[in-house]
Structures are given as structure tokens and as C-alpha cells.
Amino acid sequence: GCKHADFLFLQNLTGLSKGNLSQHLTKLEQGGMLEIEKTFEGKVPRTIIRLSSKGKTAIAEHWSRLEDLKQRAKEWQPASTKRVARVA
């Protein structure tokens, strides 16, 4: 749903510490999934995070797999369970 998010928004959304969120974002950026832009508004630093085209594709594929799994779960029928008589 959004074009970009700032670091503080993502921190509040995820509940992660600044350090943990920073590490996750760095790894996703290194993997080509995110684009991170660091700017200043006056003297206040601002970090903007956007999904890259690779990230958008990965998210779309992930949602597609989840939808497929959801559909297969709806169609799943348990195997018939046969009771085996115990011989004493």
C-alpha cells in the first residue's frame, strides 16, 4: 500500500529496536530488496525506505504462494483413517 516509509514509522510498526531494525533493513538493502535514502530535514536526519523492483516482485510472489497455500488448504481432505482391530 505505500510508496515509501520512514524509519520511525517502521520502528513503531514492527516494535523493533533501532539497532535491530537497522540491521534488518541493511540486509534487505544488500539483497537488493530495498532502497534506502538518507536525507536531512533541517538538522534532523531522515531515512526513507522503498521497495526496489526486485523487492516488489518478491512480495508479489510471496503473496501469490500464500494465496495458493490458502486455496489448497481449503480443498484439502484428510485421508480416511482406518481403525485396525487389536488382537490380544
C-alpha atoms as a PDB file:
ATOM      1  CA  GLY A   1       0.000   0.000   0.000  1.00  0.00           C
ATOM      2  CA  CYS A   2       2.511   2.836   0.332  1.00  0.00           C
ATOM      3  CA  LYS A   3       5.238   4.257  -1.889  1.00  0.00           C
ATOM      4  CA  HIS A   4       7.762   4.654   0.936  1.00  0.00           C
ATOM      5  CA  ALA A   5       8.038   4.672   4.724  1.00  0.00           C
ATOM      6  CA  ASP A   6      10.363   6.404   7.098  1.00  0.00           C
ATOM      7  CA  PHE A   7      12.484   4.642   9.679  1.00  0.00           C
ATOM      8  CA  LEU A   8      10.460   5.802  12.700  1.00  0.00           C
ATOM      9  CA  PHE A   9       7.197   4.621  11.137  1.00  0.00           C
ATOM     10  CA  LEU A  10       8.696   1.165  10.520  1.00  0.00           C
ATOM     11  CA  GLN A  11      10.158   1.083  14.017  1.00  0.00           C
ATOM     12  CA  ASN A  12       6.759   1.854  15.561  1.00  0.00           C
ATOM     13  CA  LEU A  13       5.020  -0.618  13.259  1.00  0.00           C
ATOM     14  CA  THR A  14       7.397  -3.507  13.985  1.00  0.00           C
ATOM     15  CA  GLY A  15       8.252  -2.783  17.609  1.00  0.00           C
ATOM     16  CA  LEU A  16      11.928  -3.453  16.856  1.00  0.00           C
ATOM     17  CA  SER A  17      14.746  -1.531  18.471  1.00  0.00           C
ATOM     18  CA  LYS A  18      16.605   0.984  16.294  1.00  0.00           C
ATOM     19  CA  GLY A  19      19.599  -1.351  16.094  1.00  0.00           C
ATOM     20  CA  ASN A  20      17.575  -4.441  15.128  1.00  0.00           C
ATOM     21  CA  LEU A  21      15.538  -2.595  12.530  1.00  0.00           C
ATOM     22  CA  SER A  22      18.677  -1.031  11.095  1.00  0.00           C
ATOM     23  CA  GLN A  23      20.329  -4.458  10.758  1.00  0.00           C
ATOM     24  CA  HIS A  24      17.262  -5.964   9.053  1.00  0.00           C
ATOM     25  CA  LEU A  25      16.978  -3.052   6.642  1.00  0.00           C
ATOM     26  CA  THR A  26      20.687  -3.190   5.833  1.00  0.00           C
ATOM     27  CA  LYS A  27      20.477  -6.887   4.958  1.00  0.00           C
ATOM     28  CA  LEU A  28      17.390  -6.325   2.805  1.00  0.00           C
ATOM     29  CA  GLU A  29      19.148  -3.439   1.056  1.00  0.00           C
ATOM     30  CA  GLN A  30      22.248  -5.577   0.461  1.00  0.00           C
ATOM     31  CA  GLY A  31      19.972  -8.253  -1.033  1.00  0.00           C
ATOM     32  CA  GLY A  32      18.543  -5.702  -3.450  1.00  0.00           C
ATOM     33  CA  MET A  33      15.061  -5.772  -1.903  1.00  0.00           C
ATOM     34  CA  LEU A  34      15.043  -2.194  -0.578  1.00  0.00           C
ATOM     35  CA  GLU A  35      16.304   1.233  -1.489  1.00  0.00           C
ATOM     36  CA  ILE A  36      17.309   3.401   1.460  1.00  0.00           C
ATOM     37  CA  GLU A  37      17.615   7.159   1.145  1.00  0.00           C
ATOM     38  CA  LYS A  38      19.151   9.197   3.958  1.00  0.00           C
ATOM     39  CA  THR A  39      18.425  12.915   3.991  1.00  0.00           C
ATOM     40  CA  PHE A  40      18.121  15.785   6.441  1.00  0.00           C
ATOM     41  CA  GLU A  41      15.121  17.965   7.189  1.00  0.00           C
ATOM     42  CA  GLY A  42      16.937  20.951   8.602  1.00  0.00           C
ATOM     43  CA  LYS A  43      19.324  19.338  11.062  1.00  0.00           C
ATOM     44  CA  VAL A  44      17.165  16.263  11.661  1.00  0.00           C
ATOM     45  CA  PRO A  45      18.222  13.079   9.851  1.00  0.00           C
ATOM     46  CA  ARG A  46      15.503  11.247   7.939  1.00  0.00           C
ATOM     47  CA  THR A  47      15.706   7.750   6.494  1.00  0.00           C
ATOM     48  CA  ILE A  48      13.248   6.792   3.752  1.00  0.00           C
ATOM     49  CA  ILE A  49      12.791   3.160   2.772  1.00  0.00           C
ATOM     50  CA  ARG A  50      11.287   1.970  -0.535  1.00  0.00           C
ATOM     51  CA  LEU A  51      10.834  -1.465  -2.021  1.00  0.00           C
ATOM     52  CA  SER A  52      13.030  -1.966  -5.072  1.00  0.00           C
ATOM     53  CA  SER A  53      11.573  -3.566  -8.186  1.00  0.00           C
ATOM     54  CA  LYS A  54      13.186  -6.827  -7.043  1.00  0.00           C
ATOM     55  CA  GLY A  55      11.535  -6.385  -3.636  1.00  0.00           C
ATOM     56  CA  LYS A  56       8.134  -5.673  -5.212  1.00  0.00           C
ATOM     57  CA  THR A  57       8.441  -8.836  -7.309  1.00  0.00           C
ATOM     58  CA  ALA A  58       9.446 -10.892  -4.266  1.00  0.00           C
ATOM     59  CA  ILE A  59       6.488  -9.567  -2.241  1.00  0.00           C
ATOM     60  CA  ALA A  60       4.060 -10.286  -5.096  1.00  0.00           C
ATOM     61  CA  GLU A  61       5.422 -13.838  -5.426  1.00  0.00           C
ATOM     62  CA  HIS A  62       5.181 -14.341  -1.653  1.00  0.00           C
ATOM     63  CA  TRP A  63       1.514 -13.251  -1.578  1.00  0.00           C
ATOM     64  CA  SER A  64       0.800 -15.487  -4.575  1.00  0.00           C
ATOM     65  CA  ARG A  65       2.314 -18.503  -2.799  1.00  0.00           C
ATOM     66  CA  LEU A  66       0.297 -17.694   0.342  1.00  0.00           C
ATOM     67  CA  GLU A  67      -2.924 -17.454  -1.690  1.00  0.00           C
ATOM     68  CA  ASP A  68      -2.100 -20.788  -3.361  1.00  0.00           C
ATOM     69  CA  LEU A  69      -1.468 -22.368   0.030  1.00  0.00           C
ATOM     70  CA  LYS A  70      -4.742 -20.932   1.354  1.00  0.00           C
ATOM     71  CA  GLN A  71      -6.645 -22.390  -1.609  1.00  0.00           C
ATOM     72  CA  ARG A  72      -5.004 -25.799  -1.270  1.00  0.00           C
ATOM     73  CA  ALA A  73      -5.776 -25.824   2.465  1.00  0.00           C
ATOM     74  CA  LYS A  74      -9.469 -25.174   1.692  1.00  0.00           C
ATOM     75  CA  GLU A  75      -9.503 -28.061  -0.785  1.00  0.00           C
ATOM     76  CA  TRP A  76      -7.569 -30.486   1.438  1.00  0.00           C
ATOM     77  CA  GLN A  77      -9.409 -33.577   2.588  1.00  0.00           C
ATOM     78  CA  PRO A  78      -7.900 -35.743   5.305  1.00  0.00           C
ATOM     79  CA  ALA A  79      -7.050 -39.294   4.329  1.00  0.00           C
ATOM     80  CA  SER A  80      -9.595 -41.775   5.596  1.00  0.00           C
ATOM     81  CA  THR A  81      -8.496 -43.277   8.847  1.00  0.00           C
ATOM     82  CA  LYS A  82      -8.989 -46.985   9.080  1.00  0.00           C
ATOM     83  CA  ARG A  83      -9.210 -48.495  12.514  1.00  0.00           C
ATOM     84  CA  VAL A  84      -7.161 -51.578  12.934  1.00  0.00           C
ATOM     85  CA  ALA A  85      -8.582 -54.163  15.287  1.00  0.00           C
ATOM     86  CA  ARG A  86      -6.193 -55.049  18.039  1.00  0.00           C
ATOM     87  CA  VAL A  87      -5.656 -58.720  18.579  1.00  0.00           C
ATOM     88  CA  ALA A  88      -4.936 -59.614  22.166  1.00  0.00           C
END
